[in-house]
């Protein structure tokens, strides 16, 4: 299991402190914020693996610049096609996760479970993309164990998609500060923890 320290809204100095304390993986929701922190850290940015965990607009695909170890939020065919064109032109290959909105929340990104097979096949057909697994953000729940059905649903969907595609999908990115222990019990291989590492986000 890999712990990803999510540094959204925190300064580059906080990332440097986390890396010095042993954090090997850092996640950012926005590509611009991630790149700004990489620049601020200079050579120190290479001390961690960077994960892009938030939604990416197609017109910002060019900004990835080969700087991310894994993109967690591939949620639509148009984005898969844009990534394929850009990466193929650059001679790069990018590991990705398909984001699935297992809770059906209108305010959250992610493909729906019933459209997941078609999108997974589309991604798998892109030779510049390496589909490694699935990601989800569980709905807000009153207690961590109440998120269990959502995590179990993602794991079961992953297993069905792996069988359909005919190759393993080893990664499940699920679980955050309030529910990561339950996510790990349900098979998470990547947990995205911000508040429990960095504290409450700075107010705007």
N, C-alpha and C. Protein backbone atom coordinates (compact mmCIF):
# COMPACT_ATOMS: atom_id res chain seq x y z
N UNK A 1 0.84 -1.19 0.00
CA UNK A 1 0.00 0.00 0.00
C UNK A 1 0.88 1.25 0.00
N UNK A 2 0.54 2.21 -0.84
CA UNK A 2 1.30 3.45 -0.95
C UNK A 2 0.50 4.60 -0.34
N UNK A 3 1.15 5.33 0.55
CA UNK A 3 0.55 6.52 1.16
C UNK A 3 0.93 7.73 0.33
N UNK A 4 -0.08 8.45 -0.17
CA UNK A 4 0.14 9.66 -0.95
C UNK A 4 -0.21 10.86 -0.07
N UNK A 5 0.78 11.71 0.17
CA UNK A 5 0.57 12.92 0.97
C UNK A 5 -0.02 13.99 0.06
N UNK A 6 -1.27 14.36 0.30
CA UNK A 6 -1.97 15.31 -0.56
C UNK A 6 -1.75 16.73 -0.02
N UNK A 7 -1.01 17.53 -0.78
CA UNK A 7 -0.57 18.83 -0.29
C UNK A 7 -1.37 20.00 -0.84
N UNK A 8 -2.56 19.74 -1.32
CA UNK A 8 -3.41 20.80 -1.87
C UNK A 8 -3.52 21.97 -0.88
N UNK A 9 -3.25 23.17 -1.37
CA UNK A 9 -3.35 24.43 -0.63
C UNK A 9 -2.20 24.68 0.34
N UNK A 10 -1.31 23.71 0.51
CA UNK A 10 -0.16 23.90 1.39
C UNK A 10 1.06 24.33 0.56
N UNK A 11 1.97 25.09 1.15
CA UNK A 11 3.12 25.59 0.39
C UNK A 11 4.15 24.52 0.10
N UNK A 12 5.06 24.84 -0.81
CA UNK A 12 6.12 23.90 -1.16
C UNK A 12 6.95 23.52 0.05
N UNK A 13 7.11 24.44 1.00
CA UNK A 13 7.89 24.14 2.21
C UNK A 13 7.28 22.98 2.99
N UNK A 14 5.95 22.87 2.97
CA UNK A 14 5.29 21.76 3.67
C UNK A 14 5.59 20.44 2.97
N UNK A 15 5.67 20.47 1.65
CA UNK A 15 6.04 19.27 0.90
C UNK A 15 7.47 18.86 1.23
N UNK A 16 8.36 19.82 1.28
CA UNK A 16 9.75 19.53 1.61
C UNK A 16 9.86 18.92 3.01
N UNK A 17 9.07 19.44 3.94
CA UNK A 17 9.10 18.91 5.31
C UNK A 17 8.57 17.48 5.34
N UNK A 18 7.49 17.23 4.61
CA UNK A 18 6.93 15.87 4.56
C UNK A 18 7.92 14.91 3.92
N UNK A 19 8.59 15.35 2.85
CA UNK A 19 9.57 14.49 2.20
C UNK A 19 10.73 14.18 3.14
N UNK A 20 11.16 15.17 3.90
CA UNK A 20 12.25 14.95 4.85
C UNK A 20 11.85 13.98 5.94
N UNK A 21 10.54 13.93 6.23
CA UNK A 21 10.04 13.02 7.26
C UNK A 21 9.77 11.62 6.72
N UNK A 22 9.95 11.43 5.39
CA UNK A 22 9.82 10.10 4.81
C UNK A 22 8.72 9.93 3.79
N UNK A 23 7.96 10.98 3.49
CA UNK A 23 6.91 10.86 2.46
C UNK A 23 7.56 10.70 1.10
N UNK A 24 7.27 9.62 0.42
CA UNK A 24 7.88 9.35 -0.88
C UNK A 24 6.97 9.69 -2.05
N UNK A 25 5.67 9.90 -1.77
CA UNK A 25 4.69 10.17 -2.81
C UNK A 25 3.85 11.37 -2.41
N UNK A 26 3.67 12.31 -3.33
CA UNK A 26 2.91 13.53 -3.07
C UNK A 26 1.84 13.67 -4.13
N UNK A 27 0.63 14.04 -3.71
CA UNK A 27 -0.48 14.22 -4.63
C UNK A 27 -0.95 15.65 -4.69
N UNK A 28 -1.30 16.10 -5.88
CA UNK A 28 -1.86 17.43 -6.09
C UNK A 28 -3.12 17.32 -6.93
N UNK A 29 -4.10 18.18 -6.61
CA UNK A 29 -5.35 18.18 -7.35
C UNK A 29 -5.27 18.95 -8.66
N UNK A 30 -4.45 19.98 -8.68
CA UNK A 30 -4.37 20.84 -9.87
C UNK A 30 -2.96 20.83 -10.45
N UNK A 31 -2.90 20.69 -11.76
CA UNK A 31 -1.59 20.58 -12.40
C UNK A 31 -0.78 21.86 -12.23
N UNK A 32 -1.44 23.03 -12.29
CA UNK A 32 -0.69 24.28 -12.14
C UNK A 32 -0.06 24.39 -10.75
N UNK A 33 -0.80 24.01 -9.73
CA UNK A 33 -0.27 24.08 -8.37
C UNK A 33 0.89 23.11 -8.19
N UNK A 34 0.76 21.93 -8.78
CA UNK A 34 1.85 20.95 -8.68
C UNK A 34 3.12 21.47 -9.35
N UNK A 35 2.98 22.02 -10.56
CA UNK A 35 4.16 22.51 -11.27
C UNK A 35 4.81 23.68 -10.54
N UNK A 36 4.00 24.54 -9.93
CA UNK A 36 4.55 25.67 -9.17
C UNK A 36 5.36 25.17 -7.98
N UNK A 37 4.87 24.13 -7.32
CA UNK A 37 5.61 23.58 -6.18
C UNK A 37 6.88 22.88 -6.63
N UNK A 38 6.81 22.18 -7.74
CA UNK A 38 8.03 21.55 -8.27
C UNK A 38 9.10 22.60 -8.56
N UNK A 39 8.67 23.71 -9.15
CA UNK A 39 9.62 24.77 -9.47
C UNK A 39 10.20 25.37 -8.19
N UNK A 40 9.34 25.59 -7.19
CA UNK A 40 9.80 26.17 -5.93
C UNK A 40 10.78 25.25 -5.21
N UNK A 41 10.56 23.96 -5.32
CA UNK A 41 11.43 22.99 -4.65
C UNK A 41 12.74 22.77 -5.38
N UNK A 42 12.77 23.10 -6.66
CA UNK A 42 13.99 22.91 -7.44
C UNK A 42 14.40 21.44 -7.45
N UNK A 43 15.69 21.15 -7.25
CA UNK A 43 16.15 19.75 -7.25
C UNK A 43 15.44 18.88 -6.22
N UNK A 44 14.93 19.51 -5.17
CA UNK A 44 14.22 18.74 -4.14
C UNK A 44 12.94 18.09 -4.63
N UNK A 45 12.40 18.60 -5.75
CA UNK A 45 11.17 18.01 -6.29
C UNK A 45 11.37 16.57 -6.71
N UNK A 46 12.62 16.22 -7.05
CA UNK A 46 12.91 14.85 -7.49
C UNK A 46 12.95 13.86 -6.33
N UNK A 47 12.83 14.37 -5.10
CA UNK A 47 12.88 13.48 -3.93
C UNK A 47 11.60 12.70 -3.74
N UNK A 48 10.53 13.09 -4.45
CA UNK A 48 9.24 12.41 -4.30
C UNK A 48 8.68 12.05 -5.67
N UNK A 49 7.74 11.11 -5.66
CA UNK A 49 6.95 10.81 -6.86
C UNK A 49 5.68 11.65 -6.80
N UNK A 50 5.39 12.32 -7.88
CA UNK A 50 4.24 13.22 -7.93
C UNK A 50 3.05 12.53 -8.59
N UNK A 51 1.89 12.67 -7.95
CA UNK A 51 0.64 12.11 -8.46
C UNK A 51 -0.32 13.26 -8.75
N UNK A 52 -0.94 13.24 -9.91
CA UNK A 52 -2.00 14.19 -10.22
C UNK A 52 -3.32 13.49 -9.92
N UNK A 53 -4.03 13.96 -8.90
CA UNK A 53 -5.19 13.22 -8.42
C UNK A 53 -6.51 13.92 -8.74
N UNK A 54 -6.45 15.13 -9.31
CA UNK A 54 -7.66 15.86 -9.61
C UNK A 54 -7.99 15.88 -11.09
N UNK A 55 -9.17 16.36 -11.38
CA UNK A 55 -9.66 16.45 -12.76
C UNK A 55 -8.73 17.31 -13.61
N UNK A 56 -8.52 16.88 -14.83
CA UNK A 56 -7.65 17.60 -15.77
C UNK A 56 -8.46 18.03 -16.98
N UNK A 57 -8.40 19.32 -17.30
CA UNK A 57 -9.05 19.82 -18.51
C UNK A 57 -8.22 19.44 -19.73
N UNK A 58 -8.86 19.19 -20.83
CA UNK A 58 -8.13 18.74 -22.02
C UNK A 58 -7.13 19.79 -22.50
N UNK A 59 -7.44 21.07 -22.29
CA UNK A 59 -6.51 22.11 -22.77
C UNK A 59 -5.29 22.27 -21.87
N UNK A 60 -5.21 21.48 -20.79
CA UNK A 60 -4.05 21.53 -19.90
C UNK A 60 -3.20 20.26 -19.99
N UNK A 61 -3.53 19.38 -20.90
CA UNK A 61 -2.76 18.15 -21.08
C UNK A 61 -1.29 18.46 -21.36
N UNK A 62 -1.05 19.51 -22.12
CA UNK A 62 0.33 19.88 -22.47
C UNK A 62 1.17 20.21 -21.24
N UNK A 63 0.52 20.54 -20.11
CA UNK A 63 1.24 20.96 -18.92
C UNK A 63 1.81 19.79 -18.12
N UNK A 64 1.42 18.57 -18.47
CA UNK A 64 1.91 17.42 -17.70
C UNK A 64 3.42 17.28 -17.81
N UNK A 65 3.96 17.52 -18.99
CA UNK A 65 5.41 17.62 -19.20
C UNK A 65 6.21 16.43 -18.66
N UNK A 66 5.59 15.27 -18.59
CA UNK A 66 6.32 14.10 -18.12
C UNK A 66 6.71 14.17 -16.66
N UNK A 67 5.99 14.98 -15.86
CA UNK A 67 6.39 15.20 -14.48
C UNK A 67 5.67 14.32 -13.47
N UNK A 68 4.68 13.55 -13.89
CA UNK A 68 3.85 12.81 -12.93
C UNK A 68 4.03 11.30 -13.09
N UNK A 69 4.14 10.63 -11.94
CA UNK A 69 4.29 9.18 -11.95
C UNK A 69 2.98 8.48 -12.26
N UNK A 70 1.85 9.12 -11.90
CA UNK A 70 0.55 8.49 -12.10
C UNK A 70 -0.53 9.57 -12.12
N UNK A 71 -1.44 9.45 -13.07
CA UNK A 71 -2.61 10.32 -13.16
C UNK A 71 -3.82 9.52 -12.71
N UNK A 72 -4.49 9.98 -11.66
CA UNK A 72 -5.55 9.20 -11.01
C UNK A 72 -6.95 9.44 -11.56
N UNK A 73 -7.17 10.48 -12.34
CA UNK A 73 -8.53 10.95 -12.58
C UNK A 73 -8.93 10.99 -14.05
N UNK A 74 -8.59 9.97 -14.80
CA UNK A 74 -9.01 9.88 -16.20
C UNK A 74 -10.47 9.41 -16.22
N UNK A 75 -11.37 10.31 -16.62
CA UNK A 75 -12.79 10.03 -16.43
C UNK A 75 -13.66 10.16 -17.68
N UNK A 76 -13.02 10.41 -18.84
CA UNK A 76 -13.84 10.57 -20.04
C UNK A 76 -13.00 10.30 -21.28
N UNK A 77 -13.70 9.90 -22.35
CA UNK A 77 -13.02 9.50 -23.58
C UNK A 77 -12.28 10.67 -24.21
N UNK A 78 -12.86 11.89 -24.14
CA UNK A 78 -12.21 13.05 -24.76
C UNK A 78 -10.83 13.31 -24.13
N UNK A 79 -10.74 13.11 -22.83
CA UNK A 79 -9.46 13.32 -22.15
C UNK A 79 -8.48 12.22 -22.52
N UNK A 80 -8.95 10.99 -22.61
CA UNK A 80 -8.08 9.89 -23.03
C UNK A 80 -7.50 10.17 -24.42
N UNK A 81 -8.34 10.66 -25.32
CA UNK A 81 -7.87 10.95 -26.68
C UNK A 81 -6.86 12.09 -26.69
N UNK A 82 -7.11 13.14 -25.88
CA UNK A 82 -6.19 14.27 -25.82
C UNK A 82 -4.84 13.85 -25.24
N UNK A 83 -4.87 13.02 -24.21
CA UNK A 83 -3.63 12.51 -23.63
C UNK A 83 -2.88 11.65 -24.65
N UNK A 84 -3.61 10.80 -25.34
CA UNK A 84 -2.98 9.93 -26.34
C UNK A 84 -2.26 10.75 -27.40
N UNK A 85 -2.92 11.78 -27.92
CA UNK A 85 -2.30 12.60 -28.97
C UNK A 85 -1.03 13.29 -28.46
N UNK A 86 -1.14 13.88 -27.28
CA UNK A 86 0.01 14.63 -26.76
C UNK A 86 1.18 13.71 -26.41
N UNK A 87 0.88 12.63 -25.71
CA UNK A 87 1.94 11.72 -25.28
C UNK A 87 2.60 11.04 -26.47
N UNK A 88 1.80 10.66 -27.45
CA UNK A 88 2.37 10.02 -28.64
C UNK A 88 3.31 10.98 -29.36
N UNK A 89 2.90 12.25 -29.42
CA UNK A 89 3.75 13.25 -30.08
C UNK A 89 5.05 13.46 -29.33
N UNK A 90 5.01 13.31 -28.00
CA UNK A 90 6.20 13.49 -27.17
C UNK A 90 7.01 12.21 -27.00
N UNK A 91 6.47 11.10 -27.49
CA UNK A 91 7.15 9.82 -27.32
C UNK A 91 7.15 9.34 -25.87
N UNK A 92 6.08 9.68 -25.15
CA UNK A 92 5.97 9.31 -23.74
C UNK A 92 4.84 8.31 -23.53
N UNK A 93 4.87 7.65 -22.37
CA UNK A 93 3.78 6.78 -21.95
C UNK A 93 3.43 7.14 -20.51
N UNK A 94 2.16 7.20 -20.18
CA UNK A 94 1.73 7.65 -18.86
C UNK A 94 0.86 6.59 -18.18
N UNK A 95 1.23 6.16 -16.98
CA UNK A 95 0.34 5.29 -16.19
C UNK A 95 -0.87 6.10 -15.71
N UNK A 96 -2.05 5.53 -15.83
CA UNK A 96 -3.28 6.23 -15.46
C UNK A 96 -4.21 5.31 -14.69
N UNK A 97 -5.11 5.95 -13.93
CA UNK A 97 -6.22 5.27 -13.30
C UNK A 97 -7.51 5.86 -13.86
N UNK A 98 -8.52 5.05 -14.00
CA UNK A 98 -9.83 5.54 -14.43
C UNK A 98 -10.64 5.90 -13.19
N UNK A 99 -11.14 7.14 -13.16
CA UNK A 99 -11.94 7.58 -12.02
C UNK A 99 -13.39 7.16 -12.21
N UNK A 100 -13.95 6.55 -11.17
CA UNK A 100 -15.33 6.08 -11.21
C UNK A 100 -16.11 6.72 -10.06
N UNK A 101 -17.24 7.31 -10.39
CA UNK A 101 -18.11 7.94 -9.40
C UNK A 101 -19.06 6.87 -8.85
N UNK A 102 -18.55 6.07 -7.91
CA UNK A 102 -19.35 4.94 -7.43
C UNK A 102 -20.56 5.39 -6.62
N UNK A 103 -20.48 6.59 -6.04
CA UNK A 103 -21.60 7.08 -5.23
C UNK A 103 -22.67 7.78 -6.03
N UNK A 104 -22.43 8.00 -7.34
CA UNK A 104 -23.42 8.65 -8.18
C UNK A 104 -23.70 10.09 -7.80
N UNK A 105 -22.70 10.77 -7.23
CA UNK A 105 -22.91 12.15 -6.80
C UNK A 105 -22.77 13.12 -7.98
N UNK A 106 -23.75 13.99 -8.12
CA UNK A 106 -23.76 14.93 -9.25
C UNK A 106 -22.62 15.93 -9.16
N UNK A 107 -22.12 16.18 -7.96
CA UNK A 107 -21.07 17.19 -7.78
C UNK A 107 -19.67 16.64 -7.98
N UNK A 108 -19.54 15.34 -8.20
CA UNK A 108 -18.21 14.74 -8.32
C UNK A 108 -17.95 14.26 -9.74
N UNK A 109 -16.66 14.29 -10.09
CA UNK A 109 -16.23 13.80 -11.39
C UNK A 109 -16.19 12.27 -11.37
N UNK A 110 -15.90 11.71 -12.53
CA UNK A 110 -15.79 10.25 -12.63
C UNK A 110 -16.85 9.69 -13.55
N UNK A 111 -16.45 8.67 -14.28
CA UNK A 111 -17.43 7.98 -15.12
C UNK A 111 -18.37 7.18 -14.23
N UNK A 112 -19.52 6.83 -14.75
CA UNK A 112 -20.46 6.04 -13.99
C UNK A 112 -20.10 4.56 -14.11
N UNK A 113 -20.47 3.74 -13.13
CA UNK A 113 -20.14 2.32 -13.22
C UNK A 113 -20.67 1.65 -14.48
N UNK A 114 -21.84 2.07 -14.96
CA UNK A 114 -22.40 1.41 -16.14
C UNK A 114 -21.67 1.80 -17.43
N UNK A 115 -20.89 2.89 -17.40
CA UNK A 115 -20.12 3.29 -18.57
C UNK A 115 -18.65 2.92 -18.44
N UNK A 116 -18.30 2.29 -17.34
CA UNK A 116 -16.89 2.02 -17.05
C UNK A 116 -16.25 1.06 -18.05
N UNK A 117 -16.98 0.05 -18.48
CA UNK A 117 -16.40 -0.93 -19.40
C UNK A 117 -16.02 -0.27 -20.72
N UNK A 118 -16.91 0.55 -21.26
CA UNK A 118 -16.63 1.20 -22.54
C UNK A 118 -15.43 2.14 -22.42
N UNK A 119 -15.36 2.88 -21.33
CA UNK A 119 -14.24 3.81 -21.16
C UNK A 119 -12.94 3.05 -20.93
N UNK A 120 -12.98 1.99 -20.14
CA UNK A 120 -11.77 1.19 -19.91
C UNK A 120 -11.24 0.63 -21.23
N UNK A 121 -12.13 0.16 -22.08
CA UNK A 121 -11.69 -0.36 -23.38
C UNK A 121 -11.08 0.75 -24.23
N UNK A 122 -11.66 1.94 -24.16
CA UNK A 122 -11.13 3.08 -24.92
C UNK A 122 -9.72 3.43 -24.45
N UNK A 123 -9.54 3.49 -23.13
CA UNK A 123 -8.23 3.80 -22.57
C UNK A 123 -7.21 2.72 -22.94
N UNK A 124 -7.63 1.46 -22.82
CA UNK A 124 -6.73 0.35 -23.11
C UNK A 124 -6.28 0.35 -24.57
N UNK A 125 -7.08 0.94 -25.45
CA UNK A 125 -6.72 1.00 -26.86
C UNK A 125 -5.71 2.10 -27.16
N UNK A 126 -5.43 2.97 -26.19
CA UNK A 126 -4.47 4.05 -26.37
C UNK A 126 -3.08 3.56 -25.97
N UNK A 127 -2.18 3.42 -26.95
CA UNK A 127 -0.89 2.82 -26.63
C UNK A 127 0.03 3.74 -25.84
N UNK A 128 -0.32 5.02 -25.70
CA UNK A 128 0.48 5.93 -24.88
C UNK A 128 -0.01 5.97 -23.43
N UNK A 129 -1.09 5.26 -23.15
CA UNK A 129 -1.64 5.21 -21.80
C UNK A 129 -1.52 3.80 -21.25
N UNK A 130 -1.13 3.70 -20.00
CA UNK A 130 -1.06 2.41 -19.33
C UNK A 130 -2.12 2.39 -18.23
N UNK A 131 -3.22 1.70 -18.47
CA UNK A 131 -4.31 1.64 -17.48
C UNK A 131 -3.90 0.71 -16.35
N UNK A 132 -3.73 1.29 -15.16
CA UNK A 132 -3.21 0.55 -14.01
C UNK A 132 -4.29 0.16 -13.01
N UNK A 133 -5.48 0.78 -13.11
CA UNK A 133 -6.52 0.46 -12.14
C UNK A 133 -7.57 1.55 -12.08
N UNK A 134 -8.23 1.65 -10.92
CA UNK A 134 -9.36 2.56 -10.75
C UNK A 134 -9.17 3.46 -9.54
N UNK A 135 -9.87 4.58 -9.58
CA UNK A 135 -9.88 5.53 -8.46
C UNK A 135 -11.31 5.95 -8.15
N UNK A 136 -11.59 6.22 -6.87
CA UNK A 136 -12.87 6.81 -6.51
C UNK A 136 -12.71 7.70 -5.30
N UNK A 137 -13.66 8.61 -5.15
CA UNK A 137 -13.82 9.40 -3.93
C UNK A 137 -15.17 9.03 -3.35
N UNK A 138 -15.17 8.44 -2.17
CA UNK A 138 -16.43 8.00 -1.56
C UNK A 138 -17.25 9.21 -1.12
N UNK A 139 -18.57 9.08 -1.10
CA UNK A 139 -19.41 10.17 -0.60
C UNK A 139 -19.14 10.43 0.88
N UNK A 140 -19.48 11.63 1.37
CA UNK A 140 -19.36 11.89 2.81
C UNK A 140 -20.23 10.91 3.60
N UNK A 141 -19.67 10.36 4.65
CA UNK A 141 -20.40 9.38 5.46
C UNK A 141 -20.23 9.72 6.94
N UNK A 142 -21.19 9.30 7.78
CA UNK A 142 -21.12 9.65 9.20
C UNK A 142 -20.03 8.91 9.98
N UNK A 143 -19.61 7.78 9.46
CA UNK A 143 -18.56 6.99 10.11
C UNK A 143 -17.78 6.25 9.03
N UNK A 144 -16.48 6.00 9.26
CA UNK A 144 -15.65 5.38 8.22
C UNK A 144 -16.24 4.10 7.64
N UNK A 145 -16.81 3.24 8.47
CA UNK A 145 -17.28 1.96 7.96
C UNK A 145 -18.44 2.11 6.97
N UNK A 146 -19.12 3.25 7.03
CA UNK A 146 -20.22 3.48 6.09
C UNK A 146 -19.72 3.66 4.66
N UNK A 147 -18.42 3.90 4.50
CA UNK A 147 -17.84 4.02 3.15
C UNK A 147 -17.51 2.66 2.56
N UNK A 148 -17.56 1.61 3.36
CA UNK A 148 -17.14 0.29 2.90
C UNK A 148 -17.85 -0.18 1.63
N UNK A 149 -19.18 -0.02 1.51
CA UNK A 149 -19.84 -0.49 0.28
C UNK A 149 -19.30 0.16 -0.99
N UNK A 150 -18.91 1.41 -0.90
CA UNK A 150 -18.38 2.10 -2.08
C UNK A 150 -17.01 1.55 -2.47
N UNK A 151 -16.18 1.30 -1.47
CA UNK A 151 -14.86 0.74 -1.75
C UNK A 151 -14.97 -0.69 -2.28
N UNK A 152 -15.88 -1.46 -1.70
CA UNK A 152 -16.08 -2.83 -2.17
C UNK A 152 -16.60 -2.83 -3.61
N UNK A 153 -17.48 -1.88 -3.92
CA UNK A 153 -18.03 -1.80 -5.27
C UNK A 153 -16.93 -1.49 -6.28
N UNK A 154 -15.99 -0.61 -5.91
CA UNK A 154 -14.91 -0.29 -6.83
C UNK A 154 -14.00 -1.51 -7.04
N UNK A 155 -13.71 -2.22 -5.96
CA UNK A 155 -12.87 -3.42 -6.08
C UNK A 155 -13.54 -4.45 -6.98
N UNK A 156 -14.84 -4.66 -6.80
CA UNK A 156 -15.55 -5.65 -7.61
C UNK A 156 -15.60 -5.21 -9.08
N UNK A 157 -15.78 -3.91 -9.32
CA UNK A 157 -15.76 -3.40 -10.68
C UNK A 157 -14.39 -3.60 -11.30
N UNK A 158 -13.34 -3.33 -10.54
CA UNK A 158 -11.98 -3.54 -11.03
C UNK A 158 -11.77 -4.98 -11.47
N UNK A 159 -12.25 -5.90 -10.65
CA UNK A 159 -12.06 -7.32 -10.98
C UNK A 159 -12.79 -7.69 -12.28
N UNK A 160 -13.98 -7.14 -12.47
CA UNK A 160 -14.73 -7.43 -13.70
C UNK A 160 -14.04 -6.82 -14.92
N UNK A 161 -13.53 -5.60 -14.77
CA UNK A 161 -12.86 -4.95 -15.89
C UNK A 161 -11.56 -5.66 -16.25
N UNK A 162 -10.83 -6.11 -15.24
CA UNK A 162 -9.59 -6.84 -15.51
C UNK A 162 -9.88 -8.10 -16.31
N UNK A 163 -10.96 -8.79 -15.95
CA UNK A 163 -11.34 -9.99 -16.69
C UNK A 163 -11.76 -9.63 -18.12
N UNK A 164 -12.48 -8.53 -18.27
CA UNK A 164 -12.94 -8.12 -19.60
C UNK A 164 -11.76 -7.72 -20.49
N UNK A 165 -10.79 -7.01 -19.92
CA UNK A 165 -9.65 -6.53 -20.70
C UNK A 165 -8.60 -7.62 -20.90
N UNK A 166 -8.60 -8.61 -20.03
CA UNK A 166 -7.64 -9.70 -20.15
C UNK A 166 -6.26 -9.38 -19.62
N UNK A 167 -6.18 -8.36 -18.74
CA UNK A 167 -4.90 -8.09 -18.09
C UNK A 167 -5.15 -7.49 -16.70
N UNK A 168 -4.20 -7.63 -15.79
CA UNK A 168 -4.42 -7.16 -14.42
C UNK A 168 -4.57 -5.64 -14.34
N UNK A 169 -5.35 -5.21 -13.36
CA UNK A 169 -5.46 -3.80 -13.00
C UNK A 169 -5.10 -3.72 -11.51
N UNK A 170 -3.83 -3.65 -11.20
CA UNK A 170 -3.39 -3.87 -9.83
C UNK A 170 -3.69 -2.75 -8.84
N UNK A 171 -3.98 -1.53 -9.34
CA UNK A 171 -4.09 -0.40 -8.41
C UNK A 171 -5.54 -0.01 -8.13
N UNK A 172 -5.80 0.27 -6.86
CA UNK A 172 -7.07 0.86 -6.43
C UNK A 172 -6.73 2.08 -5.59
N UNK A 173 -7.06 3.27 -6.09
CA UNK A 173 -6.82 4.51 -5.38
C UNK A 173 -8.11 4.90 -4.68
N UNK A 174 -8.17 4.63 -3.39
CA UNK A 174 -9.38 4.94 -2.64
C UNK A 174 -9.03 5.06 -1.16
N UNK A 175 -9.72 5.96 -0.50
CA UNK A 175 -9.47 6.21 0.92
C UNK A 175 -8.73 7.51 1.13
N UNK A 176 -9.26 8.31 2.08
CA UNK A 176 -8.63 9.58 2.43
C UNK A 176 -8.50 9.63 3.95
N UNK A 177 -8.23 10.82 4.50
CA UNK A 177 -7.90 10.91 5.93
C UNK A 177 -8.95 10.26 6.83
N UNK A 178 -10.23 10.43 6.50
CA UNK A 178 -11.26 9.94 7.39
C UNK A 178 -11.66 8.50 7.22
N UNK A 179 -11.25 7.86 6.12
CA UNK A 179 -11.74 6.50 5.86
C UNK A 179 -10.70 5.56 5.28
N UNK A 180 -9.42 5.96 5.34
CA UNK A 180 -8.39 5.16 4.65
C UNK A 180 -8.25 3.76 5.23
N UNK A 181 -8.49 3.59 6.53
CA UNK A 181 -8.31 2.26 7.12
C UNK A 181 -9.32 1.27 6.54
N UNK A 182 -10.55 1.72 6.33
CA UNK A 182 -11.57 0.87 5.73
C UNK A 182 -11.23 0.60 4.27
N UNK A 183 -10.73 1.62 3.58
CA UNK A 183 -10.34 1.45 2.17
C UNK A 183 -9.25 0.39 2.04
N UNK A 184 -8.28 0.41 2.93
CA UNK A 184 -7.20 -0.58 2.89
C UNK A 184 -7.77 -1.98 3.13
N UNK A 185 -8.69 -2.09 4.05
CA UNK A 185 -9.33 -3.39 4.31
C UNK A 185 -10.04 -3.91 3.07
N UNK A 186 -10.53 -3.00 2.23
CA UNK A 186 -11.26 -3.39 1.02
C UNK A 186 -10.37 -3.49 -0.21
N UNK A 187 -9.05 -3.35 -0.01
CA UNK A 187 -8.14 -3.61 -1.11
C UNK A 187 -7.42 -2.41 -1.70
N UNK A 188 -7.55 -1.24 -1.08
CA UNK A 188 -6.87 -0.07 -1.62
C UNK A 188 -5.36 -0.29 -1.64
N UNK A 189 -4.74 0.13 -2.73
CA UNK A 189 -3.28 0.09 -2.85
C UNK A 189 -2.68 1.48 -2.79
N UNK A 190 -3.53 2.51 -2.92
CA UNK A 190 -3.09 3.90 -2.90
C UNK A 190 -4.08 4.70 -2.06
N UNK A 191 -3.63 5.24 -0.94
CA UNK A 191 -4.51 6.08 -0.13
C UNK A 191 -4.04 7.52 -0.22
N UNK A 192 -4.99 8.44 -0.31
CA UNK A 192 -4.70 9.85 -0.54
C UNK A 192 -5.01 10.63 0.75
N UNK A 193 -3.99 10.96 1.50
CA UNK A 193 -4.18 11.53 2.83
C UNK A 193 -3.61 12.95 2.88
N UNK A 194 -4.46 13.90 3.18
CA UNK A 194 -4.02 15.29 3.30
C UNK A 194 -4.08 15.78 4.72
N UNK A 195 -5.29 15.91 5.26
CA UNK A 195 -5.48 16.51 6.59
C UNK A 195 -4.72 15.79 7.69
N UNK A 196 -4.69 14.46 7.63
CA UNK A 196 -4.02 13.69 8.69
C UNK A 196 -2.50 13.87 8.66
N UNK A 197 -1.97 14.39 7.55
CA UNK A 197 -0.52 14.64 7.44
C UNK A 197 -0.20 16.12 7.62
N UNK A 198 -0.91 16.97 6.90
CA UNK A 198 -0.58 18.40 6.86
C UNK A 198 -1.43 19.24 7.81
N UNK A 199 -2.52 18.67 8.34
CA UNK A 199 -3.44 19.46 9.16
C UNK A 199 -4.55 20.05 8.33
N UNK A 200 -5.34 20.91 8.96
CA UNK A 200 -6.44 21.55 8.24
C UNK A 200 -5.88 22.47 7.17
N UNK A 201 -6.57 22.54 6.03
CA UNK A 201 -6.13 23.40 4.95
C UNK A 201 -6.16 24.86 5.35
N UNK A 202 -5.20 25.63 4.88
CA UNK A 202 -5.23 27.07 5.17
C UNK A 202 -6.50 27.70 4.61
N UNK A 203 -7.07 28.63 5.34
CA UNK A 203 -8.28 29.31 4.85
C UNK A 203 -7.89 30.26 3.74
N UNK A 204 -8.80 30.44 2.81
CA UNK A 204 -8.53 31.31 1.65
C UNK A 204 -8.37 32.75 2.06
